[in-house]
């Protein structure tokens, strides 16, 4: 998986490419953990092809972190498979998911 991080003021834009699974989730978790002073996380999932329960756990932890900072987290452009995972797990009710 590739993580493309771009920080602009208090916003972090994170584009993910590949698979977010047991092997790659710790890398994303580490990246998010280093985001100090961030009020908004904007994920672009256009090039993410797969997400596992480990990836979902990282997203949930990120949402909790951003909520504690009175911030906002958005997931943009998930493919059909990832959207189905969000719906099946109820994450579509927890996360702000936008299809552009």
PDB file of N, CA and C in Angstrom:
ATOM      1  N   UNK A   1       0.842  -1.175   0.000  1.00  0.00           N
ATOM      2  CA  UNK A   1       0.000   0.000   0.000  1.00  0.00           C
ATOM      3  C   UNK A   1       0.888   1.240   0.000  1.00  0.00           C
ATOM      4  N   UNK A   2       0.469   2.243  -0.730  1.00  0.00           N
ATOM      5  CA  UNK A   2       1.126   3.540  -0.719  1.00  0.00           C
ATOM      6  C   UNK A   2       0.248   4.527   0.024  1.00  0.00           C
ATOM      7  N   UNK A   3       0.889   5.352   0.864  1.00  0.00           N
ATOM      8  CA  UNK A   3       0.200   6.406   1.592  1.00  0.00           C
ATOM      9  C   UNK A   3       0.766   7.732   1.117  1.00  0.00           C
ATOM     10  N   UNK A   4      -0.074   8.546   0.521  1.00  0.00           N
ATOM     11  CA  UNK A   4       0.342   9.872   0.070  1.00  0.00           C
ATOM     12  C   UNK A   4      -0.286  10.897   1.003  1.00  0.00           C
ATOM     13  N   UNK A   5       0.564  11.530   1.825  1.00  0.00           N
ATOM     14  CA  UNK A   5       0.113  12.481   2.835  1.00  0.00           C
ATOM     15  C   UNK A   5       0.466  13.896   2.405  1.00  0.00           C
ATOM     16  N   UNK A   6      -0.517  14.779   2.491  1.00  0.00           N
ATOM     17  CA  UNK A   6      -0.307  16.187   2.195  1.00  0.00           C
ATOM     18  C   UNK A   6      -0.966  16.990   3.305  1.00  0.00           C
ATOM     19  N   UNK A   7      -0.161  17.729   4.071  1.00  0.00           N
ATOM     20  CA  UNK A   7      -0.703  18.550   5.156  1.00  0.00           C
ATOM     21  C   UNK A   7      -0.816  19.994   4.684  1.00  0.00           C
ATOM     22  N   UNK A   8      -1.979  20.578   4.923  1.00  0.00           N
ATOM     23  CA  UNK A   8      -2.237  21.976   4.604  1.00  0.00           C
ATOM     24  C   UNK A   8      -2.849  22.623   5.832  1.00  0.00           C
ATOM     25  N   UNK A   9      -2.058  23.325   6.594  1.00  0.00           N
ATOM     26  CA  UNK A   9      -2.554  23.930   7.830  1.00  0.00           C
ATOM     27  C   UNK A   9      -3.007  22.860   8.798  1.00  0.00           C
ATOM     28  N   UNK A  10      -4.283  22.903   9.187  1.00  0.00           N
ATOM     29  CA  UNK A  10      -4.802  21.924  10.141  1.00  0.00           C
ATOM     30  C   UNK A  10      -5.523  20.773   9.441  1.00  0.00           C
ATOM     31  N   UNK A  11      -5.324  20.653   8.120  1.00  0.00           N
ATOM     32  CA  UNK A  11      -5.949  19.585   7.339  1.00  0.00           C
ATOM     33  C   UNK A  11      -4.895  18.621   6.813  1.00  0.00           C
ATOM     34  N   UNK A  12      -5.182  17.341   6.946  1.00  0.00           N
ATOM     35  CA  UNK A  12      -4.315  16.306   6.370  1.00  0.00           C
ATOM     36  C   UNK A  12      -5.106  15.595   5.282  1.00  0.00           C
ATOM     37  N   UNK A  13      -4.549  15.577   4.085  1.00  0.00           N
ATOM     38  CA  UNK A  13      -5.159  14.835   2.985  1.00  0.00           C
ATOM     39  C   UNK A  13      -4.337  13.580   2.789  1.00  0.00           C
ATOM     40  N   UNK A  14      -5.017  12.436   2.874  1.00  0.00           N
ATOM     41  CA  UNK A  14      -4.335  11.147   2.793  1.00  0.00           C
ATOM     42  C   UNK A  14      -4.962  10.332   1.677  1.00  0.00           C
ATOM     43  N   UNK A  15      -4.175  10.061   0.641  1.00  0.00           N
ATOM     44  CA  UNK A  15      -4.630   9.217  -0.461  1.00  0.00           C
ATOM     45  C   UNK A  15      -3.984   7.846  -0.292  1.00  0.00           C
ATOM     46  N   UNK A  16      -4.811   6.816  -0.330  1.00  0.00           N
ATOM     47  CA  UNK A  16      -4.318   5.447  -0.161  1.00  0.00           C
ATOM     48  C   UNK A  16      -4.407   4.703  -1.485  1.00  0.00           C
ATOM     49  N   UNK A  17      -3.371   3.912  -1.766  1.00  0.00           N
ATOM     50  CA  UNK A  17      -3.335   3.092  -2.971  1.00  0.00           C
ATOM     51  C   UNK A  17      -3.024   1.658  -2.575  1.00  0.00           C
ATOM     52  N   UNK A  18      -3.786   0.708  -3.114  1.00  0.00           N
ATOM     53  CA  UNK A  18      -3.498  -0.703  -2.856  1.00  0.00           C
ATOM     54  C   UNK A  18      -4.467  -1.318  -1.867  1.00  0.00           C
ATOM     55  N   UNK A  19      -3.907  -2.066  -0.917  1.00  0.00           N
ATOM     56  CA  UNK A  19      -4.705  -2.828   0.047  1.00  0.00           C
ATOM     57  C   UNK A  19      -4.434  -2.336   1.468  1.00  0.00           C
ATOM     58  N   UNK A  20      -5.517  -2.075   2.196  1.00  0.00           N
ATOM     59  CA  UNK A  20      -5.420  -1.724   3.614  1.00  0.00           C
ATOM     60  C   UNK A  20      -5.832  -2.966   4.387  1.00  0.00           C
ATOM     61  N   UNK A  21      -4.823  -3.718   4.830  1.00  0.00           N
ATOM     62  CA  UNK A  21      -5.081  -4.999   5.480  1.00  0.00           C
ATOM     63  C   UNK A  21      -4.186  -5.172   6.700  1.00  0.00           C
ATOM     64  N   UNK A  22      -4.117  -6.377   7.211  1.00  0.00           N
ATOM     65  CA  UNK A  22      -3.339  -6.666   8.420  1.00  0.00           C
ATOM     66  C   UNK A  22      -1.874  -6.257   8.272  1.00  0.00           C
ATOM     67  N   UNK A  23      -1.335  -6.411   7.083  1.00  0.00           N
ATOM     68  CA  UNK A  23       0.079  -6.085   6.855  1.00  0.00           C
ATOM     69  C   UNK A  23       0.327  -4.591   6.724  1.00  0.00           C
ATOM     70  N   UNK A  24      -0.635  -3.844   6.205  1.00  0.00           N
ATOM     71  CA  UNK A  24      -0.405  -2.431   5.926  1.00  0.00           C
ATOM     72  C   UNK A  24      -1.074  -1.478   6.921  1.00  0.00           C
ATOM     73  N   UNK A  25      -2.048  -1.961   7.676  1.00  0.00           N
ATOM     74  CA  UNK A  25      -2.763  -1.107   8.629  1.00  0.00           C
ATOM     75  C   UNK A  25      -1.835  -0.439   9.655  1.00  0.00           C
ATOM     76  N   UNK A  26      -0.807  -1.130  10.171  1.00  0.00           N
ATOM     77  CA  UNK A  26       0.074  -0.464  11.136  1.00  0.00           C
ATOM     78  C   UNK A  26       0.782   0.768  10.552  1.00  0.00           C
ATOM     79  N   UNK A  27       1.086   0.740   9.267  1.00  0.00           N
ATOM     80  CA  UNK A  27       1.735   1.889   8.632  1.00  0.00           C
ATOM     81  C   UNK A  27       0.791   3.094   8.616  1.00  0.00           C
ATOM     82  N   UNK A  28      -0.486   2.873   8.279  1.00  0.00           N
ATOM     83  CA  UNK A  28      -1.456   3.965   8.288  1.00  0.00           C
ATOM     84  C   UNK A  28      -1.694   4.445   9.720  1.00  0.00           C
ATOM     85  N   UNK A  29      -1.773   3.519  10.648  1.00  0.00           N
ATOM     86  CA  UNK A  29      -1.967   3.870  12.058  1.00  0.00           C
ATOM     87  C   UNK A  29      -0.832   4.768  12.549  1.00  0.00           C
ATOM     88  N   UNK A  30       0.390   4.449  12.163  1.00  0.00           N
ATOM     89  CA  UNK A  30       1.552   5.251  12.533  1.00  0.00           C
ATOM     90  C   UNK A  30       1.484   6.641  11.907  1.00  0.00           C
ATOM     91  N   UNK A  31       1.102   6.698  10.646  1.00  0.00           N
ATOM     92  CA  UNK A  31       0.986   7.984   9.952  1.00  0.00           C
ATOM     93  C   UNK A  31      -0.043   8.869  10.642  1.00  0.00           C
ATOM     94  N   UNK A  32      -1.193   8.307  10.972  1.00  0.00           N
ATOM     95  CA  UNK A  32      -2.249   9.071  11.635  1.00  0.00           C
ATOM     96  C   UNK A  32      -1.806   9.495  13.035  1.00  0.00           C
ATOM     97  N   UNK A  33      -1.083   8.624  13.729  1.00  0.00           N
ATOM     98  CA  UNK A  33      -0.610   8.925  15.071  1.00  0.00           C
ATOM     99  C   UNK A  33       0.338  10.105  15.123  1.00  0.00           C
ATOM    100  N   UNK A  34       1.000  10.387  14.020  1.00  0.00           N
ATOM    101  CA  UNK A  34       1.962  11.496  13.955  1.00  0.00           C
ATOM    102  C   UNK A  34       1.320  12.815  13.543  1.00  0.00           C
ATOM    103  N   UNK A  35       0.018  12.832  13.321  1.00  0.00           N
ATOM    104  CA  UNK A  35      -0.679  14.040  12.889  1.00  0.00           C
ATOM    105  C   UNK A  35      -1.078  14.880  14.095  1.00  0.00           C
ATOM    106  N   UNK A  36      -0.198  15.744  14.525  1.00  0.00           N
ATOM    107  CA  UNK A  36      -0.492  16.629  15.654  1.00  0.00           C
ATOM    108  C   UNK A  36      -1.074  17.937  15.151  1.00  0.00           C
ATOM    109  N   UNK A  37      -2.069  18.451  15.843  1.00  0.00           N
ATOM    110  CA  UNK A  37      -2.669  19.725  15.491  1.00  0.00           C
ATOM    111  C   UNK A  37      -3.595  19.672  14.289  1.00  0.00           C
ATOM    112  N   UNK A  38      -3.947  18.481  13.869  1.00  0.00           N
ATOM    113  CA  UNK A  38      -4.816  18.321  12.709  1.00  0.00           C
ATOM    114  C   UNK A  38      -6.278  18.339  13.160  1.00  0.00           C
ATOM    115  N   UNK A  39      -7.102  19.127  12.491  1.00  0.00           N
ATOM    116  CA  UNK A  39      -8.532  19.225  12.795  1.00  0.00           C
ATOM    117  C   UNK A  39      -9.389  18.520  11.752  1.00  0.00           C
ATOM    118  N   UNK A  40      -8.796  18.222  10.584  1.00  0.00           N
ATOM    119  CA  UNK A  40      -9.557  17.563   9.529  1.00  0.00           C
ATOM    120  C   UNK A  40      -8.666  16.549   8.823  1.00  0.00           C
ATOM    121  N   UNK A  41      -9.211  15.345   8.654  1.00  0.00           N
ATOM    122  CA  UNK A  41      -8.530  14.314   7.865  1.00  0.00           C
ATOM    123  C   UNK A  41      -9.428  14.004   6.680  1.00  0.00           C
ATOM    124  N   UNK A  42      -8.858  14.130   5.502  1.00  0.00           N
ATOM    125  CA  UNK A  42      -9.582  13.916   4.255  1.00  0.00           C
ATOM    126  C   UNK A  42      -8.920  12.738   3.542  1.00  0.00           C
ATOM    127  N   UNK A  43      -9.581  11.571   3.596  1.00  0.00           N
ATOM    128  CA  UNK A  43      -9.051  10.377   2.940  1.00  0.00           C
ATOM    129  C   UNK A  43      -9.568  10.291   1.508  1.00  0.00           C
ATOM    130  N   UNK A  44      -8.682   9.927   0.592  1.00  0.00           N
ATOM    131  CA  UNK A  44      -9.091   9.636  -0.780  1.00  0.00           C
ATOM    132  C   UNK A  44      -8.850   8.149  -1.007  1.00  0.00           C
ATOM    133  N   UNK A  45      -9.943   7.412  -1.205  1.00  0.00           N
ATOM    134  CA  UNK A  45      -9.870   5.960  -1.394  1.00  0.00           C
ATOM    135  C   UNK A  45     -10.008   5.561  -2.858  1.00  0.00           C
ATOM    136  N   UNK A  46      -9.868   6.499  -3.788  1.00  0.00           N
ATOM    137  CA  UNK A  46     -10.076   6.199  -5.214  1.00  0.00           C
ATOM    138  C   UNK A  46      -9.193   5.051  -5.696  1.00  0.00           C
ATOM    139  N   UNK A  47      -7.978   4.936  -5.157  1.00  0.00           N
ATOM    140  CA  UNK A  47      -7.050   3.894  -5.589  1.00  0.00           C
ATOM    141  C   UNK A  47      -6.863   2.785  -4.558  1.00  0.00           C
ATOM    142  N   UNK A  48      -7.745   2.743  -3.548  1.00  0.00           N
ATOM    143  CA  UNK A  48      -7.720   1.664  -2.566  1.00  0.00           C
ATOM    144  C   UNK A  48      -8.597   0.534  -3.095  1.00  0.00           C
ATOM    145  N   UNK A  49      -8.041  -0.670  -3.184  1.00  0.00           N
ATOM    146  CA  UNK A  49      -8.779  -1.781  -3.799  1.00  0.00           C
ATOM    147  C   UNK A  49      -9.367  -2.754  -2.788  1.00  0.00           C
ATOM    148  N   UNK A  50      -8.906  -2.687  -1.510  1.00  0.00           N
ATOM    149  CA  UNK A  50      -9.352  -3.668  -0.521  1.00  0.00           C
ATOM    150  C   UNK A  50      -9.173  -3.086   0.869  1.00  0.00           C
ATOM    151  N   UNK A  51     -10.095  -3.424   1.768  1.00  0.00           N
ATOM    152  CA  UNK A  51      -9.956  -3.053   3.177  1.00  0.00           C
ATOM    153  C   UNK A  51     -10.377  -4.239   4.036  1.00  0.00           C
ATOM    154  N   UNK A  52      -9.568  -4.541   5.047  1.00  0.00           N
ATOM    155  CA  UNK A  52      -9.865  -5.645   5.969  1.00  0.00           C
ATOM    156  C   UNK A  52     -10.335  -5.077   7.301  1.00  0.00           C
ATOM    157  N   UNK A  53     -10.641  -5.975   8.222  1.00  0.00           N
ATOM    158  CA  UNK A  53     -11.064  -5.543   9.558  1.00  0.00           C
ATOM    159  C   UNK A  53      -9.958  -4.745  10.256  1.00  0.00           C
ATOM    160  N   UNK A  54      -8.709  -5.061   9.971  1.00  0.00           N
ATOM    161  CA  UNK A  54      -7.603  -4.291  10.554  1.00  0.00           C
ATOM    162  C   UNK A  54      -7.636  -2.851  10.043  1.00  0.00           C
ATOM    163  N   UNK A  55      -7.953  -2.681   8.774  1.00  0.00           N
ATOM    164  CA  UNK A  55      -8.075  -1.344   8.209  1.00  0.00           C
ATOM    165  C   UNK A  55      -9.247  -0.588   8.799  1.00  0.00           C
ATOM    166  N   UNK A  56     -10.354  -1.292   8.996  1.00  0.00           N
ATOM    167  CA  UNK A  56     -11.524  -0.665   9.617  1.00  0.00           C
ATOM    168  C   UNK A  56     -11.199  -0.196  11.028  1.00  0.00           C
ATOM    169  N   UNK A  57     -10.442  -0.994  11.751  1.00  0.00           N
ATOM    170  CA  UNK A  57     -10.055  -0.622  13.119  1.00  0.00           C
ATOM    171  C   UNK A  57      -9.248   0.675  13.117  1.00  0.00           C
ATOM    172  N   UNK A  58      -8.322   0.816  12.168  1.00  0.00           N
ATOM    173  CA  UNK A  58      -7.507   2.033  12.083  1.00  0.00           C
ATOM    174  C   UNK A  58      -8.391   3.243  11.778  1.00  0.00           C
ATOM    175  N   UNK A  59      -9.362   3.068  10.874  1.00  0.00           N
ATOM    176  CA  UNK A  59     -10.262   4.177  10.550  1.00  0.00           C
ATOM    177  C   UNK A  59     -11.118   4.568  11.750  1.00  0.00           C
ATOM    178  N   UNK A  60     -11.581   3.590  12.507  1.00  0.00           N
ATOM    179  CA  UNK A  60     -12.372   3.879  13.692  1.00  0.00           C
ATOM    180  C   UNK A  60     -11.543   4.642  14.727  1.00  0.00           C
ATOM    181  N   UNK A  61     -10.305   4.229  14.921  1.00  0.00           N
ATOM    182  CA  UNK A  61      -9.416   4.924  15.861  1.00  0.00           C
ATOM    183  C   UNK A  61      -9.149   6.353  15.385  1.00  0.00           C
ATOM    184  N   UNK A  62      -8.979   6.535  14.082  1.00  0.00           N
ATOM    185  CA  UNK A  62      -8.757   7.878  13.530  1.00  0.00           C
ATOM    186  C   UNK A  62      -9.984   8.750  13.747  1.00  0.00           C
ATOM    187  N   UNK A  63     -11.174   8.175  13.553  1.00  0.00           N
ATOM    188  CA  UNK A  63     -12.412   8.932  13.769  1.00  0.00           C
ATOM    189  C   UNK A  63     -12.521   9.359  15.225  1.00  0.00           C
ATOM    190  N   UNK A  64     -12.188   8.468  16.152  1.00  0.00           N
ATOM    191  CA  UNK A  64     -12.234   8.809  17.579  1.00  0.00           C
ATOM    192  C   UNK A  64     -11.250   9.928  17.904  1.00  0.00           C
ATOM    193  N   UNK A  65     -10.046   9.857  17.308  1.00  0.00           N
ATOM    194  CA  UNK A  65      -9.018  10.877  17.550  1.00  0.00           C
ATOM    195  C   UNK A  65      -9.498  12.233  17.034  1.00  0.00           C
ATOM    196  N   UNK A  66     -10.069  12.260  15.844  1.00  0.00           N
ATOM    197  CA  UNK A  66     -10.508  13.520  15.252  1.00  0.00           C
ATOM    198  C   UNK A  66     -11.734  14.061  15.990  1.00  0.00           C
ATOM    199  N   UNK A  67     -12.609  13.169  16.478  1.00  0.00           N
ATOM    200  CA  UNK A  67     -13.755  13.614  17.279  1.00  0.00           C
ATOM    201  C   UNK A  67     -13.293  14.283  18.567  1.00  0.00           C
ATOM    202  N   UNK A  68     -12.254  13.731  19.193  1.00  0.00           N
ATOM    203  CA  UNK A  68     -11.723  14.291  20.437  1.00  0.00           C
ATOM    204  C   UNK A  68     -11.144  15.687  20.211  1.00  0.00           C
ATOM    205  N   UNK A  69     -10.719  15.963  18.975  1.00  0.00           N
ATOM    206  CA  UNK A  69     -10.164  17.274  18.638  1.00  0.00           C
ATOM    207  C   UNK A  69     -11.230  18.207  18.058  1.00  0.00           C
ATOM    208  N   UNK A  70     -12.513  17.798  18.161  1.00  0.00           N
ATOM    209  CA  UNK A  70     -13.622  18.554  17.569  1.00  0.00           C
ATOM    210  C   UNK A  70     -13.387  18.816  16.089  1.00  0.00           C
ATOM    211  N   UNK A  71     -12.863  17.802  15.416  1.00  0.00           N
ATOM    212  CA  UNK A  71     -12.543  17.934  14.004  1.00  0.00           C
ATOM    213  C   UNK A  71     -13.505  17.166  13.120  1.00  0.00           C
ATOM    214  N   UNK A  72     -13.057  16.934  11.890  1.00  0.00           N
ATOM    215  CA  UNK A  72     -13.887  16.276  10.888  1.00  0.00           C
ATOM    216  C   UNK A  72     -13.029  15.300  10.090  1.00  0.00           C
ATOM    217  N   UNK A  73     -13.596  14.136   9.813  1.00  0.00           N
ATOM    218  CA  UNK A  73     -12.915  13.151   8.979  1.00  0.00           C
ATOM    219  C   UNK A  73     -13.860  12.736   7.857  1.00  0.00           C
ATOM    220  N   UNK A  74     -13.344  12.722   6.639  1.00  0.00           N
ATOM    221  CA  UNK A  74     -14.139  12.381   5.465  1.00  0.00           C
ATOM    222  C   UNK A  74     -13.400  11.300   4.676  1.00  0.00           C
ATOM    223  N   UNK A  75     -14.155  10.342   4.175  1.00  0.00           N
ATOM    224  CA  UNK A  75     -13.616   9.322   3.274  1.00  0.00           C
ATOM    225  C   UNK A  75     -14.271   9.534   1.917  1.00  0.00           C
ATOM    226  N   UNK A  76     -13.450   9.772   0.916  1.00  0.00           N
ATOM    227  CA  UNK A  76     -13.962  10.069  -0.427  1.00  0.00           C
ATOM    228  C   UNK A  76     -13.630   8.942  -1.407  1.00  0.00           C
ATOM    229  N   UNK A  77     -14.530   8.746  -2.341  1.00  0.00           N
ATOM    230  CA  UNK A  77     -14.305   7.887  -3.505  1.00  0.00           C
ATOM    231  C   UNK A  77     -14.033   6.409  -3.223  1.00  0.00           C
ATOM    232  N   UNK A  78     -14.696   5.788  -2.250  1.00  0.00           N
ATOM    233  CA  UNK A  78     -14.461   4.349  -2.079  1.00  0.00           C
ATOM    234  C   UNK A  78     -15.070   3.582  -3.261  1.00  0.00           C
ATOM    235  N   UNK A  79     -14.398   2.507  -3.657  1.00  0.00           N
ATOM    236  CA  UNK A  79     -14.952   1.697  -4.749  1.00  0.00           C
ATOM    237  C   UNK A  79     -16.158   0.904  -4.236  1.00  0.00           C
ATOM    238  N   UNK A  80     -16.792   0.154  -5.127  1.00  0.00           N
ATOM    239  CA  UNK A  80     -18.015  -0.570  -4.776  1.00  0.00           C
ATOM    240  C   UNK A  80     -17.774  -1.618  -3.688  1.00  0.00           C
ATOM    241  N   UNK A  81     -16.665  -2.344  -3.778  1.00  0.00           N
ATOM    242  CA  UNK A  81     -16.345  -3.371  -2.784  1.00  0.00           C
ATOM    243  C   UNK A  81     -16.168  -2.755  -1.393  1.00  0.00           C
ATOM    244  N   UNK A  82     -15.423  -1.670  -1.316  1.00  0.00           N
ATOM    245  CA  UNK A  82     -15.174  -1.025  -0.028  1.00  0.00           C
ATOM    246  C   UNK A  82     -16.469  -0.416   0.517  1.00  0.00           C
ATOM    247  N   UNK A  83     -17.285   0.153  -0.359  1.00  0.00           N
ATOM    248  CA  UNK A  83     -18.583   0.677   0.066  1.00  0.00           C
ATOM    249  C   UNK A  83     -19.444  -0.436   0.652  1.00  0.00           C
ATOM    250  N   UNK A  84     -19.427  -1.604   0.023  1.00  0.00           N
ATOM    251  CA  UNK A  84     -20.188  -2.748   0.543  1.00  0.00           C
ATOM    252  C   UNK A  84     -19.679  -3.173   1.918  1.00  0.00           C
ATOM    253  N   UNK A  85     -18.364  -3.138   2.124  1.00  0.00           N
ATOM    254  CA  UNK A  85     -17.790  -3.478   3.435  1.00  0.00           C
ATOM    255  C   UNK A  85     -18.276  -2.474   4.483  1.00  0.00           C
ATOM    256  N   UNK A  86     -18.242  -1.186   4.143  1.00  0.00           N
ATOM    257  CA  UNK A  86     -18.718  -0.165   5.074  1.00  0.00           C
ATOM    258  C   UNK A  86     -20.186  -0.396   5.425  1.00  0.00           C
ATOM    259  N   UNK A  87     -20.998  -0.721   4.437  1.00  0.00           N
ATOM    260  CA  UNK A  87     -22.422  -0.939   4.678  1.00  0.00           C
ATOM    261  C   UNK A  87     -22.672  -2.202   5.500  1.00  0.00           C
ATOM    262  N   UNK A  88     -21.953  -3.275   5.194  1.00  0.00           N
ATOM    263  CA  UNK A  88     -22.149  -4.549   5.901  1.00  0.00           C
ATOM    264  C   UNK A  88     -21.737  -4.456   7.368  1.00  0.00           C
ATOM    265  N   UNK A  89     -20.750  -3.623   7.657  1.00  0.00           N
ATOM    266  CA  UNK A  89     -20.246  -3.504   9.026  1.00  0.00           C
ATOM    267  C   UNK A  89     -20.897  -2.367   9.802  1.00  0.00           C
ATOM    268  N   UNK A  90     -21.711  -1.552   9.132  1.00  0.00           N
ATOM    269  CA  UNK A  90     -22.328  -0.417   9.793  1.00  0.00           C
ATOM    270  C   UNK A  90     -21.429   0.804   9.858  1.00  0.00           C
ATOM    271  N   UNK A  91     -20.256   0.729   9.257  1.00  0.00           N
ATOM    272  CA  UNK A  91     -19.331   1.861   9.280  1.00  0.00           C
ATOM    273  C   UNK A  91     -19.870   3.036   8.472  1.00  0.00           C
ATOM    274  N   UNK A  92     -20.793   2.773   7.552  1.00  0.00           N
ATOM    275  CA  UNK A  92     -21.398   3.865   6.797  1.00  0.00           C
ATOM    276  C   UNK A  92     -22.236   4.765   7.701  1.00  0.00           C
ATOM    277  N   UNK A  93     -22.612   4.267   8.881  1.00  0.00           N
ATOM    278  CA  UNK A  93     -23.355   5.064   9.850  1.00  0.00           C
ATOM    279  C   UNK A  93     -22.424   5.835  10.789  1.00  0.00           C
ATOM    280  N   UNK A  94     -21.173   5.416  10.865  1.00  0.00           N
ATOM    281  CA  UNK A  94     -20.201   6.004  11.787  1.00  0.00           C
ATOM    282  C   UNK A  94     -19.317   7.031  11.082  1.00  0.00           C
ATOM    283  N   UNK A  95     -18.938   6.721   9.846  1.00  0.00           N
ATOM    284  CA  UNK A  95     -17.998   7.550   9.099  1.00  0.00           C
ATOM    285  C   UNK A  95     -18.723   8.421   8.077  1.00  0.00           C
ATOM    286  N   UNK A  96     -18.106   9.561   7.755  1.00  0.00           N
ATOM    287  CA  UNK A  96     -18.617  10.441   6.703  1.00  0.00           C
ATOM    288  C   UNK A  96     -17.993   9.953   5.389  1.00  0.00           C
ATOM    289  N   UNK A  97     -18.800   9.254   4.594  1.00  0.00           N
ATOM    290  CA  UNK A  97     -18.322   8.653   3.346  1.00  0.00           C
ATOM    291  C   UNK A  97     -18.981   9.378   2.188  1.00  0.00           C
ATOM    292  N   UNK A  98     -18.153   9.895   1.279  1.00  0.00           N
ATOM    293  CA  UNK A  98     -18.676  10.659   0.149  1.00  0.00           C
ATOM    294  C   UNK A  98     -18.169  10.094  -1.158  1.00  0.00           C
ATOM    295  N   UNK A  99     -19.087   9.859  -2.078  1.00  0.00           N
ATOM    296  CA  UNK A  99     -18.741   9.422  -3.433  1.00  0.00           C
ATOM    297  C   UNK A  99     -18.863  10.626  -4.338  1.00  0.00           C
ATOM    298  N   UNK A 100     -17.763  10.996  -4.954  1.00  0.00           N
ATOM    299  CA  UNK A 100     -17.781  12.179  -5.838  1.00  0.00           C
ATOM    300  C   UNK A 100     -18.079  11.777  -7.258  1.00  0.00           C
TER     301      UNK A 100
END
